[in-house]
Protein backbone atom coordinates (compact mmCIF):
# COMPACT_ATOMS: atom_id res chain seq x y z
CA MET A 1 117.85 -92.75 47.17
CA ARG A 2 115.93 -92.93 50.38
CA LYS A 3 115.14 -89.90 50.33
CA LYS A 4 113.79 -89.28 46.88
CA LEU A 5 111.79 -92.80 47.90
CA THR A 6 110.30 -91.21 50.64
CA SER A 7 109.08 -87.83 49.37
CA VAL A 8 107.23 -89.99 46.68
CA ILE A 9 105.68 -91.91 48.89
CA ALA A 10 105.00 -88.68 50.38
CA HIS A 11 103.46 -87.10 47.72
CA PRO A 12 99.72 -86.18 48.11
CA LEU A 13 98.44 -88.50 44.94
CA ILE A 14 100.21 -91.55 45.79
CA ALA A 15 100.24 -90.94 49.69
CA GLY A 16 96.48 -90.61 49.08
CA SER A 17 96.37 -93.46 46.60
CA ILE A 18 98.33 -95.04 48.66
CA ILE A 19 95.25 -95.08 51.66
CA VAL A 20 92.18 -95.39 49.70
CA SER A 21 93.55 -98.04 47.38
CA VAL A 22 94.59 -100.44 51.19
CA GLY A 23 91.29 -99.30 52.48
CA SER A 24 89.33 -100.05 49.18
CA LEU A 25 90.84 -103.37 49.30
CA VAL A 26 90.23 -104.42 52.15
CA ALA A 27 86.69 -103.39 52.47
CA ASN A 28 85.81 -105.21 49.29
CA PHE A 29 87.98 -108.15 50.29
CA ILE A 30 84.87 -108.29 53.78
CA ASN A 31 82.18 -107.48 51.27
CA PHE A 32 83.37 -110.48 49.24
CA ILE A 33 83.38 -112.64 52.04
CA PHE A 34 80.02 -111.42 52.82
CA ASN A 35 78.82 -112.52 49.91
CA ILE A 36 80.16 -115.28 49.69
CA PHE A 37 78.25 -116.68 53.47
CA ILE A 38 74.52 -115.11 52.02
CA SER A 39 74.90 -117.41 48.65
CA ARG A 40 75.38 -120.26 50.71
CA ASN A 41 73.15 -119.98 53.15
CA LEU A 42 70.15 -118.45 51.14
CA SER A 43 68.10 -120.31 49.24
CA VAL A 44 68.40 -120.23 45.08
CA GLN A 45 65.38 -117.54 45.19
CA ASP A 46 66.64 -115.80 48.43
CA TYR A 47 69.97 -114.67 46.96
CA GLY A 48 68.50 -113.71 43.89
CA THR A 49 66.00 -111.13 44.98
CA VAL A 50 68.70 -109.46 47.60
CA ALA A 51 70.75 -109.38 43.90
CA THR A 52 68.26 -107.94 42.43
CA LEU A 53 67.43 -105.67 45.18
CA MET A 54 70.93 -104.50 45.86
CA ALA A 55 71.45 -103.73 41.84
CA ILE A 56 68.62 -101.40 42.16
CA ILE A 57 69.92 -99.96 45.32
CA THR A 58 73.90 -99.40 43.31
CA LEU A 59 71.62 -97.80 40.57
CA PHE A 60 70.16 -94.95 43.04
CA GLY A 61 73.28 -94.41 44.11
CA ILE A 62 74.95 -93.31 41.45
CA SER A 63 72.37 -91.33 40.80
CA ALA A 64 73.62 -89.54 43.72
CA GLY A 65 77.29 -90.24 43.19
CA ALA A 66 76.99 -87.95 40.48
CA VAL A 67 76.79 -84.41 42.83
CA MET A 68 79.68 -85.61 44.85
CA PRO A 69 82.04 -84.24 42.82
CA THR A 70 80.19 -80.98 42.64
CA ILE A 71 80.41 -81.23 46.55
CA VAL A 72 83.61 -81.59 45.86
CA ASN A 73 84.97 -78.98 43.92
CA PHE A 74 82.66 -76.39 45.85
CA THR A 75 84.09 -76.68 48.95
CA GLY A 76 87.82 -77.51 48.33
CA GLU A 77 88.71 -74.01 47.92
CA SER A 78 86.82 -73.97 51.36
CA PHE A 79 88.59 -76.03 53.11
CA ALA A 80 91.53 -75.17 51.93
CA LYS A 81 91.54 -71.19 53.50
CA ASN A 82 89.80 -71.79 56.11
CA ASN A 83 86.32 -70.96 55.03
CA LEU A 84 84.03 -72.62 57.83
CA PRO A 85 81.31 -70.64 56.99
CA HIS A 86 80.64 -70.76 53.57
CA VAL A 87 81.17 -75.32 53.66
CA ARG A 88 77.97 -74.99 56.01
CA GLY A 89 76.55 -72.57 53.16
CA ILE A 90 77.19 -75.37 50.72
CA TYR A 91 75.81 -78.16 53.02
CA LEU A 92 72.70 -76.82 53.46
CA LYS A 93 72.10 -75.97 50.33
CA ILE A 94 72.95 -79.51 49.02
CA ALA A 95 71.13 -81.37 51.63
CA LYS A 96 67.77 -79.10 51.48
CA PRO A 97 67.00 -80.66 47.67
CA LEU A 98 69.06 -84.65 48.70
CA VAL A 99 66.52 -84.73 51.47
CA VAL A 100 63.85 -84.10 49.83
CA ILE A 101 64.34 -86.38 46.56
CA ALA A 102 65.55 -89.23 49.00
CA LEU A 103 62.14 -88.88 51.07
CA VAL A 104 60.26 -88.77 47.87
CA VAL A 105 62.37 -92.01 46.12
CA ALA A 106 62.57 -93.74 49.85
CA LEU A 107 58.35 -93.17 50.10
CA SER A 108 57.66 -94.35 46.61
CA PHE A 109 59.09 -97.66 47.30
CA VAL A 110 56.66 -98.09 50.56
CA LEU A 111 53.62 -97.44 48.70
CA PHE A 112 54.25 -98.64 45.49
CA ASN A 113 56.07 -101.84 48.10
CA ALA A 114 53.27 -104.20 46.52
CA LEU A 115 53.06 -103.12 43.07
CA ILE A 116 57.14 -103.52 43.23
CA SER A 117 57.40 -106.29 44.58
CA ASN A 118 55.21 -108.24 42.03
CA PHE A 119 57.12 -106.60 39.23
CA LEU A 120 60.62 -108.11 40.69
CA ASN A 121 58.75 -111.84 41.28
CA ILE A 122 59.34 -111.38 44.75
CA GLN A 123 57.14 -113.19 47.08
CA ASP A 124 55.98 -111.70 50.85
CA GLY A 125 58.26 -109.24 49.43
CA SER A 126 57.03 -106.05 51.51
CA GLY A 127 59.09 -105.81 54.17
CA LEU A 128 62.24 -106.04 52.06
CA VAL A 129 60.90 -102.98 49.36
CA ILE A 130 60.78 -100.58 52.38
CA ILE A 131 64.03 -101.70 53.37
CA SER A 132 65.87 -101.10 49.75
CA GLY A 133 63.78 -98.07 50.09
CA LEU A 134 65.69 -96.94 53.47
CA ILE A 135 68.63 -98.05 52.53
CA ILE A 136 68.70 -95.59 49.51
CA PHE A 137 66.98 -92.42 51.37
CA VAL A 138 70.38 -92.83 53.37
CA GLY A 139 72.91 -93.96 50.91
CA PHE A 140 71.51 -89.94 49.10
CA MET A 141 72.15 -88.85 52.91
CA SER A 142 75.71 -90.42 53.38
CA VAL A 143 77.28 -88.16 49.43
CA LEU A 144 76.92 -85.47 51.27
CA ASN A 145 78.88 -86.80 53.91
CA LEU A 146 81.60 -88.71 51.67
CA ALA A 147 82.32 -85.33 49.59
CA LEU A 148 82.78 -82.93 51.96
CA PHE A 149 85.33 -85.70 53.56
CA GLN A 150 87.94 -86.02 50.11
CA ALA A 151 87.52 -82.10 49.77
CA LYS A 152 88.88 -81.77 53.05
CA LEU A 153 91.45 -84.83 52.05
CA SER A 154 89.97 -87.07 54.93
CA PHE A 155 90.90 -90.34 52.92
CA LEU A 156 92.00 -92.09 56.34
CA LEU A 157 88.84 -91.51 57.16
CA LEU A 158 87.34 -92.47 53.97
CA SER A 159 88.77 -95.26 54.63
CA LEU A 160 87.80 -96.91 58.16
CA LEU A 161 84.43 -95.51 57.07
CA GLY A 162 84.12 -98.28 54.09
CA ILE A 163 85.69 -101.27 56.04
CA SER A 164 84.00 -100.46 59.63
CA SER A 165 80.39 -100.67 57.52
CA SER A 166 81.99 -103.86 55.68
CA LEU A 167 82.39 -105.04 59.09
CA VAL A 168 78.97 -104.17 61.21
CA LYS A 169 76.96 -106.03 57.23
CA VAL A 170 79.18 -109.33 57.40
CA LEU A 171 78.88 -109.55 61.36
CA LEU A 172 75.16 -108.63 61.55
CA GLY A 173 74.49 -110.29 58.28
CA VAL A 174 75.53 -113.38 59.93
CA PHE A 175 73.91 -113.73 63.19
CA LEU A 176 71.06 -112.46 61.45
CA VAL A 177 70.57 -115.16 58.98
CA PHE A 178 71.45 -117.99 61.70
CA SER A 179 68.50 -116.10 63.13
CA GLY A 180 66.35 -117.58 60.70
CA LEU A 181 65.59 -113.80 59.14
CA LYS A 182 66.96 -114.82 55.63
CA SER A 183 67.13 -112.37 53.22
CA LEU A 184 65.17 -109.93 55.46
CA GLY A 185 68.05 -110.12 58.06
CA VAL A 186 70.53 -109.90 55.09
CA MET A 187 68.99 -105.98 53.88
CA SER A 188 68.65 -105.59 57.43
CA ALA A 189 71.94 -105.92 58.29
CA ILE A 190 72.88 -103.55 54.86
CA LEU A 191 71.16 -100.72 56.06
CA VAL A 192 72.68 -100.79 59.15
CA ALA A 193 75.68 -101.16 57.69
CA TYR A 194 74.48 -98.07 55.52
CA ILE A 195 73.15 -96.15 59.04
CA ILE A 196 76.38 -96.57 61.66
CA PRO A 197 79.17 -95.04 59.41
CA TYR A 198 76.55 -91.80 57.82
CA ILE A 199 75.48 -90.87 61.92
CA SER A 200 79.78 -91.63 63.57
CA GLY A 201 80.18 -89.30 60.55
CA PHE A 202 79.28 -86.04 61.61
CA TYR A 203 81.49 -86.26 64.36
CA PHE A 204 83.61 -85.26 62.38
CA LEU A 205 81.65 -82.76 60.51
CA LYS A 206 80.60 -81.23 63.90
CA PHE A 207 81.42 -77.48 63.03
CA LEU A 208 79.06 -77.47 60.54
CA PHE A 209 76.56 -77.61 63.43
CA SER A 210 78.43 -75.32 65.60
CA ASN A 211 77.06 -72.10 66.77
CA LYS A 212 80.03 -70.44 66.21
CA VAL A 213 79.83 -70.30 62.75
CA ASN A 214 77.45 -68.77 60.91
CA ASP A 215 75.24 -69.20 57.85
CA VAL A 216 76.21 -67.63 54.65
CA GLU A 217 74.85 -66.73 51.21
CA ILE A 218 75.33 -69.09 48.42
CA ASN A 219 74.47 -68.58 44.99
CA PHE A 220 72.43 -72.00 44.89
CA SER A 221 72.49 -71.45 40.15
CA ASP A 222 76.25 -70.90 40.45
CA ILE A 223 76.40 -74.87 41.95
CA LEU A 224 73.23 -76.46 39.57
CA LYS A 225 75.52 -74.74 36.81
CA TYR A 226 78.26 -77.13 37.96
CA ALA A 227 75.84 -79.97 39.27
CA ALA A 228 73.90 -80.58 35.97
CA PRO A 229 76.77 -80.73 33.11
CA SER A 230 79.27 -82.88 35.67
CA GLY A 231 76.78 -84.61 36.64
CA LEU A 232 76.18 -85.71 33.70
CA ALA A 233 79.69 -86.16 32.28
CA LEU A 234 80.20 -89.02 35.20
CA LEU A 235 76.75 -90.52 34.91
CA ALA A 236 77.32 -91.02 30.64
CA LEU A 237 81.04 -91.88 31.38
CA THR A 238 79.40 -95.17 33.55
CA ALA A 239 77.26 -96.00 30.96
CA ILE A 240 80.38 -96.19 28.43
CA SER A 241 81.01 -99.00 31.09
CA SER A 242 78.09 -100.49 31.31
CA VAL A 243 75.65 -100.50 28.79
CA ASP A 244 78.10 -103.16 26.63
CA LEU A 245 76.95 -105.75 30.02
CA VAL A 246 73.53 -104.91 29.58
CA LEU A 247 72.61 -104.59 25.75
CA VAL A 248 74.56 -108.12 25.86
CA LYS A 249 72.15 -109.76 28.46
CA HIS A 250 69.22 -108.13 25.59
CA LEU A 251 70.51 -109.07 22.65
CA PHE A 252 72.09 -112.41 23.49
CA ASP A 253 71.24 -116.13 24.57
CA THR A 254 71.08 -116.42 28.46
CA ASN A 255 74.73 -118.07 28.71
CA SER A 256 76.64 -116.66 26.41
CA ALA A 257 75.58 -113.03 28.37
CA GLY A 258 76.72 -114.82 31.56
CA ILE A 259 79.68 -115.49 30.21
CA TYR A 260 79.52 -111.48 28.88
CA ALA A 261 78.92 -110.99 31.92
CA GLY A 262 82.31 -112.87 33.68
CA LEU A 263 84.51 -111.76 31.55
CA SER A 264 83.43 -107.75 32.41
CA LEU A 265 83.38 -109.13 36.07
CA VAL A 266 87.20 -110.09 35.54
CA GLY A 267 88.16 -107.00 33.09
CA LYS A 268 87.08 -104.66 35.47
CA VAL A 269 89.45 -105.65 37.99
CA ILE A 270 91.44 -102.37 36.14
CA PHE A 271 89.07 -100.02 37.66
CA PHE A 272 89.88 -101.49 41.08
CA PHE A 273 93.21 -100.73 40.74
CA THR A 274 93.13 -97.63 39.50
CA ALA A 275 89.76 -95.82 40.64
CA PRO A 276 91.09 -94.31 43.76
CA ILE A 277 93.93 -92.16 41.86
CA GLY A 278 91.31 -90.10 40.28
CA MET A 279 89.06 -89.79 43.57
CA VAL A 280 92.49 -88.73 45.00
CA MET A 281 92.95 -86.74 42.20
CA PHE A 282 89.48 -84.18 41.65
CA PRO A 283 89.93 -82.33 45.50
CA LEU A 284 93.72 -82.08 44.87
CA MET A 285 93.83 -80.22 41.03
CA SER A 286 90.36 -78.39 42.03
CA ARG A 287 91.89 -76.67 45.37
CA ARG A 288 94.93 -75.60 43.49
CA HIS A 289 93.04 -74.46 40.78
CA ASN A 290 91.00 -72.53 42.87
CA ASN A 291 93.94 -71.21 44.64
CA LYS A 292 95.83 -70.11 40.82
CA GLU A 293 98.40 -72.81 41.99
CA LYS A 294 100.63 -75.25 39.06
CA HIS A 295 98.70 -78.34 39.00
CA GLY A 296 100.79 -79.68 36.26
CA SER A 297 102.38 -82.00 37.66
CA ILE A 298 99.40 -83.97 39.56
CA LEU A 299 97.86 -84.56 36.22
CA LEU A 300 100.73 -86.33 34.90
CA VAL A 301 101.60 -88.73 38.01
CA SER A 302 97.76 -89.42 37.93
CA VAL A 303 98.03 -90.59 34.28
CA PHE A 304 101.65 -91.88 34.89
CA LEU A 305 99.56 -94.39 37.33
CA VAL A 306 96.82 -95.54 35.66
CA ALA A 307 98.50 -95.89 32.89
CA LEU A 308 101.41 -97.72 34.37
CA GLY A 309 99.09 -99.83 36.60
CA SER A 310 96.17 -100.71 33.37
CA LEU A 311 98.92 -101.79 31.11
CA GLY A 312 100.42 -103.98 33.26
CA ILE A 313 97.01 -105.93 34.42
CA THR A 314 96.08 -105.48 30.24
CA VAL A 315 99.59 -107.29 29.16
CA PHE A 316 99.12 -110.06 31.83
CA TYR A 317 95.53 -110.50 30.24
CA PHE A 318 96.83 -111.51 27.15
CA LEU A 319 100.26 -113.56 28.51
CA PHE A 320 97.98 -115.97 31.06
CA PRO A 321 94.18 -115.89 29.79
CA GLU A 322 93.35 -119.52 31.28
CA PHE A 323 95.00 -118.64 33.67
CA VAL A 324 92.93 -115.13 35.08
CA ILE A 325 89.87 -116.04 34.20
CA THR A 326 90.20 -119.70 35.91
CA LEU A 327 91.33 -118.27 39.10
CA PHE A 328 88.61 -115.14 39.29
CA LEU A 329 85.30 -117.17 37.57
CA LYS A 330 86.34 -121.17 38.14
CA ASN A 331 83.69 -122.38 36.47
CA GLU A 332 85.18 -123.60 32.93
CA ALA A 333 82.17 -122.67 31.02
CA TYR A 334 83.59 -118.92 31.08
CA LEU A 335 87.03 -120.54 29.41
CA LYS A 336 85.31 -119.43 26.17
CA ALA A 337 86.04 -115.90 26.96
CA THR A 338 89.58 -115.77 27.51
CA PRO A 339 90.18 -115.13 23.23
CA TYR A 340 88.64 -111.88 24.37
CA LEU A 341 90.25 -111.33 27.50
CA GLY A 342 93.15 -108.75 26.87
CA PHE A 343 91.19 -106.59 24.01
CA PHE A 344 88.46 -106.28 26.78
CA GLY A 345 91.30 -104.44 28.96
CA ILE A 346 92.49 -102.67 26.52
CA PHE A 347 88.47 -101.02 26.59
CA ILE A 348 88.73 -100.52 30.69
CA SER A 349 92.88 -99.37 30.26
CA LEU A 350 91.51 -96.90 27.89
CA HIS A 351 87.94 -96.10 30.18
CA SER A 352 89.94 -95.07 33.73
CA LEU A 353 92.44 -93.06 31.54
CA SER A 354 89.54 -91.13 30.36
CA SER A 355 88.29 -90.95 33.70
CA ILE A 356 90.59 -89.20 34.98
CA MET A 357 90.37 -86.58 31.61
CA MET A 358 87.09 -86.09 32.79
CA TYR A 359 88.10 -85.45 37.08
CA TYR A 360 90.82 -83.22 35.17
CA PHE A 361 88.50 -80.01 33.04
CA LEU A 362 85.48 -80.33 35.93
CA SER A 363 88.56 -79.52 38.83
CA ILE A 364 88.77 -76.74 36.16
CA LYS A 365 85.44 -76.15 35.55
CA LYS A 366 85.41 -77.44 31.47
CA THR A 367 82.20 -78.11 32.78
CA TRP A 368 81.16 -78.30 28.87
CA ILE A 369 83.32 -81.90 28.55
CA TYR A 370 80.08 -83.86 29.54
CA LYS A 371 79.08 -83.47 25.58
CA PRO A 372 81.71 -85.56 23.81
CA ILE A 373 81.42 -88.27 27.20
CA LEU A 374 77.40 -88.02 25.92
CA ALA A 375 78.27 -88.69 21.78
CA ALA A 376 80.43 -91.49 22.84
CA ALA A 377 78.06 -93.18 25.36
CA ILE A 378 75.21 -93.15 22.85
CA SER A 379 77.25 -93.81 20.05
CA GLN A 380 78.91 -96.73 21.37
CA ALA A 381 74.85 -98.28 22.35
CA VAL A 382 73.37 -97.05 19.10
CA LEU A 383 76.36 -99.16 17.00
CA ILE A 384 76.01 -102.41 19.36
CA TYR A 385 72.77 -102.34 19.30
CA LEU A 386 73.20 -102.14 15.38
CA ILE A 387 76.18 -104.98 15.00
CA HIS A 388 76.39 -107.49 17.42
CA ASN A 389 77.07 -110.10 15.70
CA SER A 390 80.07 -111.47 17.98
CA PHE A 391 82.16 -110.42 21.18
CA ALA A 392 84.68 -109.03 19.70
CA GLN A 393 82.40 -106.53 17.73
CA ILE A 394 80.85 -105.36 20.89
CA ILE A 395 84.19 -105.14 22.65
CA THR A 396 86.01 -103.37 19.07
CA ILE A 397 83.41 -100.83 19.18
CA SER A 398 83.78 -99.85 22.49
CA ILE A 399 87.82 -99.53 22.43
CA ILE A 400 86.99 -97.21 19.30
CA CYS A 401 84.17 -94.90 21.35
CA VAL A 402 86.41 -94.65 24.03
CA GLY A 403 89.66 -94.34 23.09
CA LEU A 404 88.18 -91.92 20.01
CA LEU A 405 86.91 -90.12 23.32
CA LEU A 406 90.47 -89.99 24.88
CA LEU A 407 91.94 -88.75 21.68
CA PHE A 408 89.32 -85.94 21.98
CA PHE A 409 90.48 -85.66 25.57
CA LEU A 410 94.62 -85.08 25.02
CA LEU A 411 94.20 -83.09 22.11
CA TYR A 412 91.70 -80.70 23.71
CA PHE A 413 94.37 -80.36 26.57
CA TYR A 414 97.09 -79.82 24.38
CA TYR A 415 94.91 -76.85 22.98
CA LEU A 416 94.09 -75.22 26.30
CA SER A 417 98.50 -76.02 27.68
CA ARG A 418 99.38 -74.53 23.92
CA LYS A 419 97.05 -71.58 24.95
CA LYS A 420 98.30 -70.65 28.08
């Protein structure tokens, strides 16, 4: 029994998921402490400014992160075969357009800082806007390094970099805020927290700059053929989990939108526990597929772990909704969301399973699956815009759209299995 338990824990998927999950838990807890600190030590106006700028930074981060599956897929096989020249070639090919895009975005924030400040109603916000542009620039460049660490299956390193970034942000942020810099100090701390892990990560990628490694020619069109559809797939699936929140903010009154935002926050705790599984599964699947090895067991284990975690949390949401809402949100106004918590858990559970299936198909180069994902995202947005009399209608529409998407994925997987 002990040997079986040890072998299960030693499984790359289980071990990697544990490392990433623990690292994410620690980093997110530190980030939570940081948010509590700045909300209590900044004025409401300053905190609103920081939160708005961070939302914009996150939006650009999602766009940049869309290329990560591409990098992981194209470098995973090279790492497995220790073909470092090929990794270097891919790195340099992707780094060049990333630098150009990042520079254009950063310079736009510098050149149009006054316009952006006025649009966001930020008084004397030029410095904050410029720092935000710099953070976006470093974020774009960090994507490349993080993707290579994922492709190398360096999950411990990824976790340590995430934790160190959070610690730097907290320690420096506390010092700068108490020094009187307030929101400028917070944004400066975030910038440094982005820069330090990015620079330190190059120590573990020094083989890319070794004179012993020669450049190789990489067909960039092949990479683009994979990057464009896989990026669309990732962005569309992300939109499914956020477009409801955006439309509720637009269509409902301020109080109702706030309650739905709280409901969304609690419901997405399921993401918090299941997302690391997909992050670990993707490079493992990609590597085995490229080596023409059997990989069905990894998918089955991934689906089982996500389904088990999602089901457990969702059942708890149905049984103890008031306790959960009070635990996370405390304000009694959010108790109006209790009737919907369990159903929102179903929506997020289906989305989490769809995410696993998406990563599976991308790992075996079935990039055309962006089409049904995009169709589901558009259908959800249109239906919510047309039918939005209550939270129940919005959640039902979301469940139907993502449920049909998951059903399509399962049928397509069955078709591929029968074909083999």
